[in-house]
Amino acid sequence: MLVYLRDKLNGRTTFTRNELSQILSVYGSRVQRGQWRDYAIDSLPDMAVFSIFRSSKEQPLYSVTKISSRSLIKPARYVVYSGRTVLMESASLQEVLAFLEQQT
């Protein structure tokens, strides 16, 4: 909780350790199947982005984005993008990851 408050006050959005663990679990299963090969993590002032690539020479196939709210009370939103297209948006990371697991 202290890290969350510190990051909120500094204006930096990051994935928590638990969130990264959940995302990497889905990512790892797709790597085992040979569907995904690389990823990148970016931290911007209002969002954190986990980008998924088929190869390191391509544009991201999917991007899982955590968009922080400006409020300490309101939870962050999670969005899955493919390019600039929004595929799924939810307040729950589990819902977004379940959607991502269904994508081929």
PDB file of N, CA and C in Angstrom:
ATOM      1  N   MET A   1       0.821  -1.190   0.000  1.00  0.00           N
ATOM      2  CA  MET A   1       0.000   0.000   0.000  1.00  0.00           C
ATOM      3  C   MET A   1       0.869   1.261   0.000  1.00  0.00           C
ATOM      4  N   LEU A   2       1.982   1.238   0.731  1.00  0.00           N
ATOM      5  CA  LEU A   2       2.847   2.409   0.766  1.00  0.00           C
ATOM      6  C   LEU A   2       3.464   2.693  -0.593  1.00  0.00           C
ATOM      7  N   VAL A   3       3.850   1.647  -1.319  1.00  0.00           N
ATOM      8  CA  VAL A   3       4.414   1.835  -2.656  1.00  0.00           C
ATOM      9  C   VAL A   3       3.366   2.443  -3.573  1.00  0.00           C
ATOM     10  N   TYR A   4       2.127   1.960  -3.460  1.00  0.00           N
ATOM     11  CA  TYR A   4       1.026   2.478  -4.269  1.00  0.00           C
ATOM     12  C   TYR A   4       0.837   3.975  -4.013  1.00  0.00           C
ATOM     13  N   LEU A   5       0.817   4.383  -2.743  1.00  0.00           N
ATOM     14  CA  LEU A   5       0.633   5.788  -2.401  1.00  0.00           C
ATOM     15  C   LEU A   5       1.823   6.633  -2.863  1.00  0.00           C
ATOM     16  N   ARG A   6       3.043   6.103  -2.711  1.00  0.00           N
ATOM     17  CA  ARG A   6       4.228   6.831  -3.159  1.00  0.00           C
ATOM     18  C   ARG A   6       4.176   7.061  -4.667  1.00  0.00           C
ATOM     19  N   ASP A   7       3.815   6.021  -5.416  1.00  0.00           N
ATOM     20  CA  ASP A   7       3.742   6.150  -6.863  1.00  0.00           C
ATOM     21  C   ASP A   7       2.624   7.094  -7.284  1.00  0.00           C
ATOM     22  N   LYS A   8       1.512   7.068  -6.554  1.00  0.00           N
ATOM     23  CA  LYS A   8       0.413   7.992  -6.840  1.00  0.00           C
ATOM     24  C   LYS A   8       0.870   9.435  -6.652  1.00  0.00           C
ATOM     25  N   LEU A   9       1.591   9.691  -5.572  1.00  0.00           N
ATOM     26  CA  LEU A   9       2.046  11.047  -5.283  1.00  0.00           C
ATOM     27  C   LEU A   9       3.118  11.501  -6.264  1.00  0.00           C
ATOM     28  N   ASN A  10       3.951  10.576  -6.732  1.00  0.00           N
ATOM     29  CA  ASN A  10       5.002  10.907  -7.707  1.00  0.00           C
ATOM     30  C   ASN A  10       4.455  10.996  -9.124  1.00  0.00           C
ATOM     31  N   GLY A  11       3.222  10.568  -9.338  1.00  0.00           N
ATOM     32  CA  GLY A  11       2.627  10.619 -10.659  1.00  0.00           C
ATOM     33  C   GLY A  11       3.094   9.526 -11.589  1.00  0.00           C
ATOM     34  N   ARG A  12       3.577   8.415 -11.045  1.00  0.00           N
ATOM     35  CA  ARG A  12       4.072   7.301 -11.855  1.00  0.00           C
ATOM     36  C   ARG A  12       3.123   6.121 -11.718  1.00  0.00           C
ATOM     37  N   THR A  13       2.776   5.498 -12.827  1.00  0.00           N
ATOM     38  CA  THR A  13       1.913   4.324 -12.808  1.00  0.00           C
ATOM     39  C   THR A  13       2.757   3.098 -13.116  1.00  0.00           C
ATOM     40  N   THR A  14       2.648   2.079 -12.279  1.00  0.00           N
ATOM     41  CA  THR A  14       3.386   0.829 -12.479  1.00  0.00           C
ATOM     42  C   THR A  14       2.466  -0.353 -12.210  1.00  0.00           C
ATOM     43  N   PHE A  15       2.875  -1.511 -12.702  1.00  0.00           N
ATOM     44  CA  PHE A  15       2.197  -2.753 -12.339  1.00  0.00           C
ATOM     45  C   PHE A  15       2.733  -3.197 -10.985  1.00  0.00           C
ATOM     46  N   THR A  16       1.860  -3.723 -10.135  1.00  0.00           N
ATOM     47  CA  THR A  16       2.316  -4.284  -8.876  1.00  0.00           C
ATOM     48  C   THR A  16       2.972  -5.632  -9.145  1.00  0.00           C
ATOM     49  N   ARG A  17       3.643  -6.160  -8.159  1.00  0.00           N
ATOM     50  CA  ARG A  17       4.272  -7.473  -8.295  1.00  0.00           C
ATOM     51  C   ARG A  17       3.237  -8.554  -8.603  1.00  0.00           C
ATOM     52  N   ASN A  18       2.101  -8.490  -7.933  1.00  0.00           N
ATOM     53  CA  ASN A  18       1.016  -9.450  -8.151  1.00  0.00           C
ATOM     54  C   ASN A  18       0.459  -9.334  -9.572  1.00  0.00           C
ATOM     55  N   GLU A  19       0.258  -8.107 -10.036  1.00  0.00           N
ATOM     56  CA  GLU A  19      -0.246  -7.908 -11.395  1.00  0.00           C
ATOM     57  C   GLU A  19       0.740  -8.450 -12.428  1.00  0.00           C
ATOM     58  N   LEU A  20       2.019  -8.161 -12.252  1.00  0.00           N
ATOM     59  CA  LEU A  20       3.028  -8.678 -13.184  1.00  0.00           C
ATOM     60  C   LEU A  20       3.075 -10.197 -13.174  1.00  0.00           C
ATOM     61  N   SER A  21       2.929 -10.781 -12.001  1.00  0.00           N
ATOM     62  CA  SER A  21       2.925 -12.240 -11.890  1.00  0.00           C
ATOM     63  C   SER A  21       1.772 -12.843 -12.693  1.00  0.00           C
ATOM     64  N   GLN A  22       0.607 -12.239 -12.587  1.00  0.00           N
ATOM     65  CA  GLN A  22      -0.564 -12.732 -13.330  1.00  0.00           C
ATOM     66  C   GLN A  22      -0.366 -12.574 -14.834  1.00  0.00           C
ATOM     67  N   ILE A  23       0.134 -11.427 -15.254  1.00  0.00           N
ATOM     68  CA  ILE A  23       0.367 -11.180 -16.683  1.00  0.00           C
ATOM     69  C   ILE A  23       1.424 -12.137 -17.228  1.00  0.00           C
ATOM     70  N   LEU A  24       2.523 -12.312 -16.481  1.00  0.00           N
ATOM     71  CA  LEU A  24       3.598 -13.197 -16.935  1.00  0.00           C
ATOM     72  C   LEU A  24       3.170 -14.662 -16.972  1.00  0.00           C
ATOM     73  N   SER A  25       2.216 -15.034 -16.144  1.00  0.00           N
ATOM     74  CA  SER A  25       1.685 -16.402 -16.180  1.00  0.00           C
ATOM     75  C   SER A  25       0.987 -16.666 -17.517  1.00  0.00           C
ATOM     76  N   VAL A  26       0.154 -15.742 -17.945  1.00  0.00           N
ATOM     77  CA  VAL A  26      -0.526 -15.866 -19.245  1.00  0.00           C
ATOM     78  C   VAL A  26       0.504 -15.810 -20.370  1.00  0.00           C
ATOM     79  N   TYR A  27       1.434 -14.883 -20.273  1.00  0.00           N
ATOM     80  CA  TYR A  27       2.475 -14.732 -21.281  1.00  0.00           C
ATOM     81  C   TYR A  27       3.298 -16.021 -21.405  1.00  0.00           C
ATOM     82  N   GLY A  28       3.695 -16.592 -20.265  1.00  0.00           N
ATOM     83  CA  GLY A  28       4.517 -17.809 -20.263  1.00  0.00           C
ATOM     84  C   GLY A  28       3.838 -18.983 -20.925  1.00  0.00           C
ATOM     85  N   SER A  29       2.531 -19.126 -20.718  1.00  0.00           N
ATOM     86  CA  SER A  29       1.817 -20.240 -21.349  1.00  0.00           C
ATOM     87  C   SER A  29       1.780 -20.080 -22.865  1.00  0.00           C
ATOM     88  N   ARG A  30       1.677 -18.851 -23.339  1.00  0.00           N
ATOM     89  CA  ARG A  30       1.681 -18.611 -24.785  1.00  0.00           C
ATOM     90  C   ARG A  30       3.078 -18.778 -25.378  1.00  0.00           C
ATOM     91  N   VAL A  31       4.111 -18.458 -24.624  1.00  0.00           N
ATOM     92  CA  VAL A  31       5.482 -18.682 -25.083  1.00  0.00           C
ATOM     93  C   VAL A  31       5.724 -20.177 -25.242  1.00  0.00           C
ATOM     94  N   GLN A  32       5.234 -20.968 -24.292  1.00  0.00           N
ATOM     95  CA  GLN A  32       5.398 -22.430 -24.378  1.00  0.00           C
ATOM     96  C   GLN A  32       4.750 -22.989 -25.635  1.00  0.00           C
ATOM     97  N   ARG A  33       3.631 -22.406 -26.040  1.00  0.00           N
ATOM     98  CA  ARG A  33       2.937 -22.857 -27.247  1.00  0.00           C
ATOM     99  C   ARG A  33       3.575 -22.303 -28.524  1.00  0.00           C
ATOM    100  N   GLY A  34       4.556 -21.406 -28.372  1.00  0.00           N
ATOM    101  CA  GLY A  34       5.242 -20.834 -29.520  1.00  0.00           C
ATOM    102  C   GLY A  34       4.504 -19.688 -30.186  1.00  0.00           C
ATOM    103  N   GLN A  35       3.482 -19.131 -29.516  1.00  0.00           N
ATOM    104  CA  GLN A  35       2.688 -18.067 -30.127  1.00  0.00           C
ATOM    105  C   GLN A  35       3.290 -16.685 -29.892  1.00  0.00           C
ATOM    106  N   TRP A  36       3.888 -16.475 -28.747  1.00  0.00           N
ATOM    107  CA  TRP A  36       4.492 -15.187 -28.418  1.00  0.00           C
ATOM    108  C   TRP A  36       5.971 -15.393 -28.141  1.00  0.00           C
ATOM    109  N   ARG A  37       6.775 -14.368 -28.403  1.00  0.00           N
ATOM    110  CA  ARG A  37       8.214 -14.529 -28.241  1.00  0.00           C
ATOM    111  C   ARG A  37       8.891 -13.449 -27.410  1.00  0.00           C
ATOM    112  N   ASP A  38       8.302 -12.268 -27.297  1.00  0.00           N
ATOM    113  CA  ASP A  38       8.982 -11.179 -26.618  1.00  0.00           C
ATOM    114  C   ASP A  38       7.972 -10.268 -25.948  1.00  0.00           C
ATOM    115  N   TYR A  39       8.443  -9.489 -24.981  1.00  0.00           N
ATOM    116  CA  TYR A  39       7.571  -8.506 -24.336  1.00  0.00           C
ATOM    117  C   TYR A  39       8.375  -7.279 -23.944  1.00  0.00           C
ATOM    118  N   ALA A  40       7.661  -6.202 -23.663  1.00  0.00           N
ATOM    119  CA  ALA A  40       8.277  -4.956 -23.180  1.00  0.00           C
ATOM    120  C   ALA A  40       7.355  -4.357 -22.132  1.00  0.00           C
ATOM    121  N   ILE A  41       7.949  -3.709 -21.131  1.00  0.00           N
ATOM    122  CA  ILE A  41       7.177  -3.044 -20.093  1.00  0.00           C
ATOM    123  C   ILE A  41       7.561  -1.568 -20.103  1.00  0.00           C
ATOM    124  N   ASP A  42       6.557  -0.711 -20.182  1.00  0.00           N
ATOM    125  CA  ASP A  42       6.772   0.735 -20.157  1.00  0.00           C
ATOM    126  C   ASP A  42       5.981   1.331 -19.009  1.00  0.00           C
ATOM    127  N   SER A  43       6.546   2.332 -18.361  1.00  0.00           N
ATOM    128  CA  SER A  43       5.870   3.049 -17.283  1.00  0.00           C
ATOM    129  C   SER A  43       5.809   4.520 -17.653  1.00  0.00           C
ATOM    130  N   LEU A  44       4.598   5.008 -17.860  1.00  0.00           N
ATOM    131  CA  LEU A  44       4.365   6.395 -18.233  1.00  0.00           C
ATOM    132  C   LEU A  44       3.659   7.092 -17.075  1.00  0.00           C
ATOM    133  N   PRO A  45       3.558   8.410 -17.107  1.00  0.00           N
ATOM    134  CA  PRO A  45       2.934   9.104 -15.973  1.00  0.00           C
ATOM    135  C   PRO A  45       1.520   8.610 -15.622  1.00  0.00           C
ATOM    136  N   ASP A  46       0.680   8.351 -16.619  1.00  0.00           N
ATOM    137  CA  ASP A  46      -0.698   7.956 -16.337  1.00  0.00           C
ATOM    138  C   ASP A  46      -1.006   6.508 -16.669  1.00  0.00           C
ATOM    139  N   MET A  47      -0.024   5.762 -17.157  1.00  0.00           N
ATOM    140  CA  MET A  47      -0.297   4.372 -17.510  1.00  0.00           C
ATOM    141  C   MET A  47       0.963   3.520 -17.493  1.00  0.00           C
ATOM    142  N   ALA A  48       0.745   2.226 -17.277  1.00  0.00           N
ATOM    143  CA  ALA A  48       1.802   1.225 -17.399  1.00  0.00           C
ATOM    144  C   ALA A  48       1.375   0.303 -18.544  1.00  0.00           C
ATOM    145  N   VAL A  49       2.331  -0.104 -19.372  1.00  0.00           N
ATOM    146  CA  VAL A  49       2.013  -0.888 -20.562  1.00  0.00           C
ATOM    147  C   VAL A  49       2.878  -2.140 -20.610  1.00  0.00           C
ATOM    148  N   PHE A  50       2.227  -3.297 -20.800  1.00  0.00           N
ATOM    149  CA  PHE A  50       2.908  -4.567 -21.026  1.00  0.00           C
ATOM    150  C   PHE A  50       2.606  -4.933 -22.469  1.00  0.00           C
ATOM    151  N   SER A  51       3.600  -4.818 -23.352  1.00  0.00           N
ATOM    152  CA  SER A  51       3.418  -5.091 -24.775  1.00  0.00           C
ATOM    153  C   SER A  51       3.896  -6.493 -25.104  1.00  0.00           C
ATOM    154  N   ILE A  52       3.137  -7.179 -25.950  1.00  0.00           N
ATOM    155  CA  ILE A  52       3.410  -8.569 -26.316  1.00  0.00           C
ATOM    156  C   ILE A  52       3.718  -8.631 -27.813  1.00  0.00           C
ATOM    157  N   PHE A  53       4.811  -9.334 -28.155  1.00  0.00           N
ATOM    158  CA  PHE A  53       5.263  -9.410 -29.539  1.00  0.00           C
ATOM    159  C   PHE A  53       5.348 -10.865 -30.006  1.00  0.00           C
ATOM    160  N   ARG A  54       5.079 -11.081 -31.296  1.00  0.00           N
ATOM    161  CA  ARG A  54       5.340 -12.391 -31.901  1.00  0.00           C
ATOM    162  C   ARG A  54       6.826 -12.547 -32.176  1.00  0.00           C
ATOM    163  N   SER A  55       7.469 -11.452 -32.577  1.00  0.00           N
ATOM    164  CA  SER A  55       8.925 -11.425 -32.720  1.00  0.00           C
ATOM    165  C   SER A  55       9.390 -10.029 -32.327  1.00  0.00           C
ATOM    166  N   SER A  56      10.656  -9.895 -32.028  1.00  0.00           N
ATOM    167  CA  SER A  56      11.174  -8.611 -31.554  1.00  0.00           C
ATOM    168  C   SER A  56      11.258  -7.559 -32.660  1.00  0.00           C
ATOM    169  N   LYS A  57      11.004  -7.947 -33.902  1.00  0.00           N
ATOM    170  CA  LYS A  57      11.110  -7.014 -35.022  1.00  0.00           C
ATOM    171  C   LYS A  57       9.760  -6.451 -35.457  1.00  0.00           C
ATOM    172  N   GLU A  58       8.698  -6.811 -34.764  1.00  0.00           N
ATOM    173  CA  GLU A  58       7.352  -6.392 -35.135  1.00  0.00           C
ATOM    174  C   GLU A  58       6.800  -5.345 -34.181  1.00  0.00           C
ATOM    175  N   GLN A  59       5.651  -4.818 -34.548  1.00  0.00           N
ATOM    176  CA  GLN A  59       4.862  -3.986 -33.649  1.00  0.00           C
ATOM    177  C   GLN A  59       4.205  -4.916 -32.631  1.00  0.00           C
ATOM    178  N   PRO A  60       3.799  -4.395 -31.474  1.00  0.00           N
ATOM    179  CA  PRO A  60       3.147  -5.271 -30.488  1.00  0.00           C
ATOM    180  C   PRO A  60       1.880  -5.908 -31.044  1.00  0.00           C
ATOM    181  N   LEU A  61       1.726  -7.182 -30.763  1.00  0.00           N
ATOM    182  CA  LEU A  61       0.508  -7.896 -31.125  1.00  0.00           C
ATOM    183  C   LEU A  61      -0.628  -7.447 -30.211  1.00  0.00           C
ATOM    184  N   TYR A  62      -0.341  -7.386 -28.911  1.00  0.00           N
ATOM    185  CA  TYR A  62      -1.285  -6.909 -27.895  1.00  0.00           C
ATOM    186  C   TYR A  62      -0.536  -6.031 -26.908  1.00  0.00           C
ATOM    187  N   SER A  63      -1.268  -5.117 -26.297  1.00  0.00           N
ATOM    188  CA  SER A  63      -0.736  -4.323 -25.196  1.00  0.00           C
ATOM    189  C   SER A  63      -1.749  -4.348 -24.062  1.00  0.00           C
ATOM    190  N   VAL A  64      -1.306  -4.787 -22.892  1.00  0.00           N
ATOM    191  CA  VAL A  64      -2.135  -4.750 -21.693  1.00  0.00           C
ATOM    192  C   VAL A  64      -1.755  -3.476 -20.958  1.00  0.00           C
ATOM    193  N   THR A  65      -2.714  -2.587 -20.783  1.00  0.00           N
ATOM    194  CA  THR A  65      -2.449  -1.273 -20.233  1.00  0.00           C
ATOM    195  C   THR A  65      -3.189  -1.069 -18.924  1.00  0.00           C
ATOM    196  N   LYS A  66      -2.479  -0.564 -17.939  1.00  0.00           N
ATOM    197  CA  LYS A  66      -3.086  -0.169 -16.662  1.00  0.00           C
ATOM    198  C   LYS A  66      -3.148   1.348 -16.675  1.00  0.00           C
ATOM    199  N   ILE A  67      -4.360   1.887 -16.679  1.00  0.00           N
ATOM    200  CA  ILE A  67      -4.551   3.333 -16.707  1.00  0.00           C
ATOM    201  C   ILE A  67      -4.972   3.769 -15.317  1.00  0.00           C
ATOM    202  N   SER A  68      -4.133   4.575 -14.697  1.00  0.00           N
ATOM    203  CA  SER A  68      -4.419   4.975 -13.320  1.00  0.00           C
ATOM    204  C   SER A  68      -5.504   6.038 -13.297  1.00  0.00           C
ATOM    205  N   SER A  69      -6.241   6.039 -12.202  1.00  0.00           N
ATOM    206  CA  SER A  69      -7.221   7.094 -11.988  1.00  0.00           C
ATOM    207  C   SER A  69      -6.530   8.240 -11.272  1.00  0.00           C
ATOM    208  N   ARG A  70      -7.096   9.381 -11.331  1.00  0.00           N
ATOM    209  CA  ARG A  70      -6.518  10.539 -10.643  1.00  0.00           C
ATOM    210  C   ARG A  70      -6.898  10.548  -9.163  1.00  0.00           C
ATOM    211  N   SER A  71      -7.761   9.620  -8.774  1.00  0.00           N
ATOM    212  CA  SER A  71      -8.254   9.552  -7.400  1.00  0.00           C
ATOM    213  C   SER A  71      -7.548   8.444  -6.631  1.00  0.00           C
ATOM    214  N   LEU A  72      -7.355   8.624  -5.342  1.00  0.00           N
ATOM    215  CA  LEU A  72      -6.790   7.561  -4.505  1.00  0.00           C
ATOM    216  C   LEU A  72      -7.815   6.465  -4.215  1.00  0.00           C
ATOM    217  N   ILE A  73      -9.085   6.775  -4.402  1.00  0.00           N
ATOM    218  CA  ILE A  73     -10.150   5.823  -4.074  1.00  0.00           C
ATOM    219  C   ILE A  73     -10.560   4.996  -5.293  1.00  0.00           C
ATOM    220  N   LYS A  74     -10.675   5.632  -6.441  1.00  0.00           N
ATOM    221  CA  LYS A  74     -11.136   4.957  -7.652  1.00  0.00           C
ATOM    222  C   LYS A  74     -10.048   4.015  -8.177  1.00  0.00           C
ATOM    223  N   PRO A  75     -10.407   2.774  -8.510  1.00  0.00           N
ATOM    224  CA  PRO A  75      -9.387   1.821  -8.994  1.00  0.00           C
ATOM    225  C   PRO A  75      -8.930   2.130 -10.420  1.00  0.00           C
ATOM    226  N   ALA A  76      -7.809   1.553 -10.773  1.00  0.00           N
ATOM    227  CA  ALA A  76      -7.275   1.697 -12.126  1.00  0.00           C
ATOM    228  C   ALA A  76      -8.145   0.912 -13.100  1.00  0.00           C
ATOM    229  N   ARG A  77      -8.029   1.249 -14.389  1.00  0.00           N
ATOM    230  CA  ARG A  77      -8.703   0.505 -15.448  1.00  0.00           C
ATOM    231  C   ARG A  77      -7.646  -0.272 -16.228  1.00  0.00           C
ATOM    232  N   TYR A  78      -8.031  -1.413 -16.740  1.00  0.00           N
ATOM    233  CA  TYR A  78      -7.142  -2.246 -17.543  1.00  0.00           C
ATOM    234  C   TYR A  78      -7.726  -2.354 -18.939  1.00  0.00           C
ATOM    235  N   VAL A  79      -6.878  -2.176 -19.936  1.00  0.00           N
ATOM    236  CA  VAL A  79      -7.322  -2.181 -21.327  1.00  0.00           C
ATOM    237  C   VAL A  79      -6.389  -3.059 -22.143  1.00  0.00           C
ATOM    238  N   VAL A  80      -6.965  -3.857 -23.051  1.00  0.00           N
ATOM    239  CA  VAL A  80      -6.172  -4.631 -24.011  1.00  0.00           C
ATOM    240  C   VAL A  80      -6.317  -3.954 -25.367  1.00  0.00           C
ATOM    241  N   TYR A  81      -5.185  -3.611 -25.952  1.00  0.00           N
ATOM    242  CA  TYR A  81      -5.150  -3.003 -27.274  1.00  0.00           C
ATOM    243  C   TYR A  81      -4.522  -3.974 -28.262  1.00  0.00           C
ATOM    244  N   SER A  82      -4.965  -3.866 -29.507  1.00  0.00           N
ATOM    245  CA  SER A  82      -4.278  -4.469 -30.633  1.00  0.00           C
ATOM    246  C   SER A  82      -4.046  -3.319 -31.600  1.00  0.00           C
ATOM    247  N   GLY A  83      -2.825  -2.837 -31.661  1.00  0.00           N
ATOM    248  CA  GLY A  83      -2.557  -1.592 -32.382  1.00  0.00           C
ATOM    249  C   GLY A  83      -3.211  -0.449 -31.621  1.00  0.00           C
ATOM    250  N   ARG A  84      -4.079   0.279 -32.298  1.00  0.00           N
ATOM    251  CA  ARG A  84      -4.817   1.364 -31.637  1.00  0.00           C
ATOM    252  C   ARG A  84      -6.250   0.976 -31.303  1.00  0.00           C
ATOM    253  N   THR A  85      -6.607  -0.256 -31.603  1.00  0.00           N
ATOM    254  CA  THR A  85      -7.964  -0.737 -31.372  1.00  0.00           C
ATOM    255  C   THR A  85      -8.109  -1.275 -29.954  1.00  0.00           C
ATOM    256  N   VAL A  86      -9.127  -0.818 -29.248  1.00  0.00           N
ATOM    257  CA  VAL A  86      -9.429  -1.327 -27.911  1.00  0.00           C
ATOM    258  C   VAL A  86     -10.211  -2.628 -28.067  1.00  0.00           C
ATOM    259  N   LEU A  87      -9.665  -3.716 -27.538  1.00  0.00           N
ATOM    260  CA  LEU A  87     -10.331  -5.013 -27.617  1.00  0.00           C
ATOM    261  C   LEU A  87     -11.150  -5.319 -26.377  1.00  0.00           C
ATOM    262  N   MET A  88     -10.670  -4.856 -25.212  1.00  0.00           N
ATOM    263  CA  MET A  88     -11.340  -5.162 -23.936  1.00  0.00           C
ATOM    264  C   MET A  88     -10.942  -4.113 -22.916  1.00  0.00           C
ATOM    265  N   GLU A  89     -11.901  -3.715 -22.092  1.00  0.00           N
ATOM    266  CA  GLU A  89     -11.627  -2.769 -21.016  1.00  0.00           C
ATOM    267  C   GLU A  89     -12.398  -3.210 -19.782  1.00  0.00           C
ATOM    268  N   SER A  90     -11.721  -3.155 -18.628  1.00  0.00           N
ATOM    269  CA  SER A  90     -12.349  -3.590 -17.383  1.00  0.00           C
ATOM    270  C   SER A  90     -11.625  -2.985 -16.187  1.00  0.00           C
ATOM    271  N   ALA A  91     -12.292  -2.978 -15.051  1.00  0.00           N
ATOM    272  CA  ALA A  91     -11.652  -2.572 -13.792  1.00  0.00           C
ATOM    273  C   ALA A  91     -10.927  -3.757 -13.166  1.00  0.00           C
ATOM    274  N   SER A  92     -11.087  -4.951 -13.756  1.00  0.00           N
ATOM    275  CA  SER A  92     -10.493  -6.174 -13.213  1.00  0.00           C
ATOM    276  C   SER A  92      -9.411  -6.714 -14.154  1.00  0.00           C
ATOM    277  N   LEU A  93      -8.221  -6.889 -13.636  1.00  0.00           N
ATOM    278  CA  LEU A  93      -7.139  -7.468 -14.426  1.00  0.00           C
ATOM    279  C   LEU A  93      -7.463  -8.912 -14.812  1.00  0.00           C
ATOM    280  N   GLN A  94      -8.103  -9.661 -13.925  1.00  0.00           N
ATOM    281  CA  GLN A  94      -8.448 -11.049 -14.216  1.00  0.00           C
ATOM    282  C   GLN A  94      -9.361 -11.152 -15.435  1.00  0.00           C
ATOM    283  N   GLU A  95     -10.332 -10.246 -15.559  1.00  0.00           N
ATOM    284  CA  GLU A  95     -11.229 -10.262 -16.721  1.00  0.00           C
ATOM    285  C   GLU A  95     -10.463  -9.979 -18.008  1.00  0.00           C
ATOM    286  N   VAL A  96      -9.547  -9.021 -17.952  1.00  0.00           N
ATOM    287  CA  VAL A  96      -8.756  -8.669 -19.121  1.00  0.00           C
ATOM    288  C   VAL A  96      -7.852  -9.828 -19.530  1.00  0.00           C
ATOM    289  N   LEU A  97      -7.247 -10.484 -18.560  1.00  0.00           N
ATOM    290  CA  LEU A  97      -6.365 -11.611 -18.866  1.00  0.00           C
ATOM    291  C   LEU A  97      -7.143 -12.818 -19.366  1.00  0.00           C
ATOM    292  N   ALA A  98      -8.343 -13.037 -18.850  1.00  0.00           N
ATOM    293  CA  ALA A  98      -9.195 -14.124 -19.360  1.00  0.00           C
ATOM    294  C   ALA A  98      -9.538 -13.873 -20.821  1.00  0.00           C
ATOM    295  N   PHE A  99      -9.841 -12.635 -21.169  1.00  0.00           N
ATOM    296  CA  PHE A  99     -10.103 -12.283 -22.558  1.00  0.00           C
ATOM    297  C   PHE A  99      -8.863 -12.535 -23.417  1.00  0.00           C
ATOM    298  N   LEU A 100      -7.712 -12.128 -22.912  1.00  0.00           N
ATOM    299  CA  LEU A 100      -6.459 -12.287 -23.653  1.00  0.00           C
ATOM    300  C   LEU A 100      -6.133 -13.749 -23.884  1.00  0.00           C
ATOM    301  N   GLU A 101      -6.438 -14.602 -22.921  1.00  0.00           N
ATOM    302  CA  GLU A 101      -6.182 -16.041 -23.072  1.00  0.00           C
ATOM    303  C   GLU A 101      -7.034 -16.647 -24.167  1.00  0.00           C
ATOM    304  N   GLN A 102      -8.202 -16.083 -24.437  1.00  0.00           N
ATOM    305  CA  GLN A 102      -9.095 -16.601 -25.477  1.00  0.00           C
ATOM    306  C   GLN A 102      -8.652 -16.214 -26.878  1.00  0.00           C
ATOM    307  N   GLN A 103      -7.841 -15.164 -26.991  1.00  0.00           N
ATOM    308  CA  GLN A 103      -7.397 -14.688 -28.307  1.00  0.00           C
ATOM    309  C   GLN A 103      -6.401 -15.672 -28.911  1.00  0.00           C
ATOM    310  N   THR A 104      -6.489 -15.843 -30.220  1.00  0.00           N
ATOM    311  CA  THR A 104      -5.556 -16.755 -30.897  1.00  0.00           C
ATOM    312  C   THR A 104      -4.398 -16.025 -31.507  1.00  0.00           C
TER     313      THR A 104
END
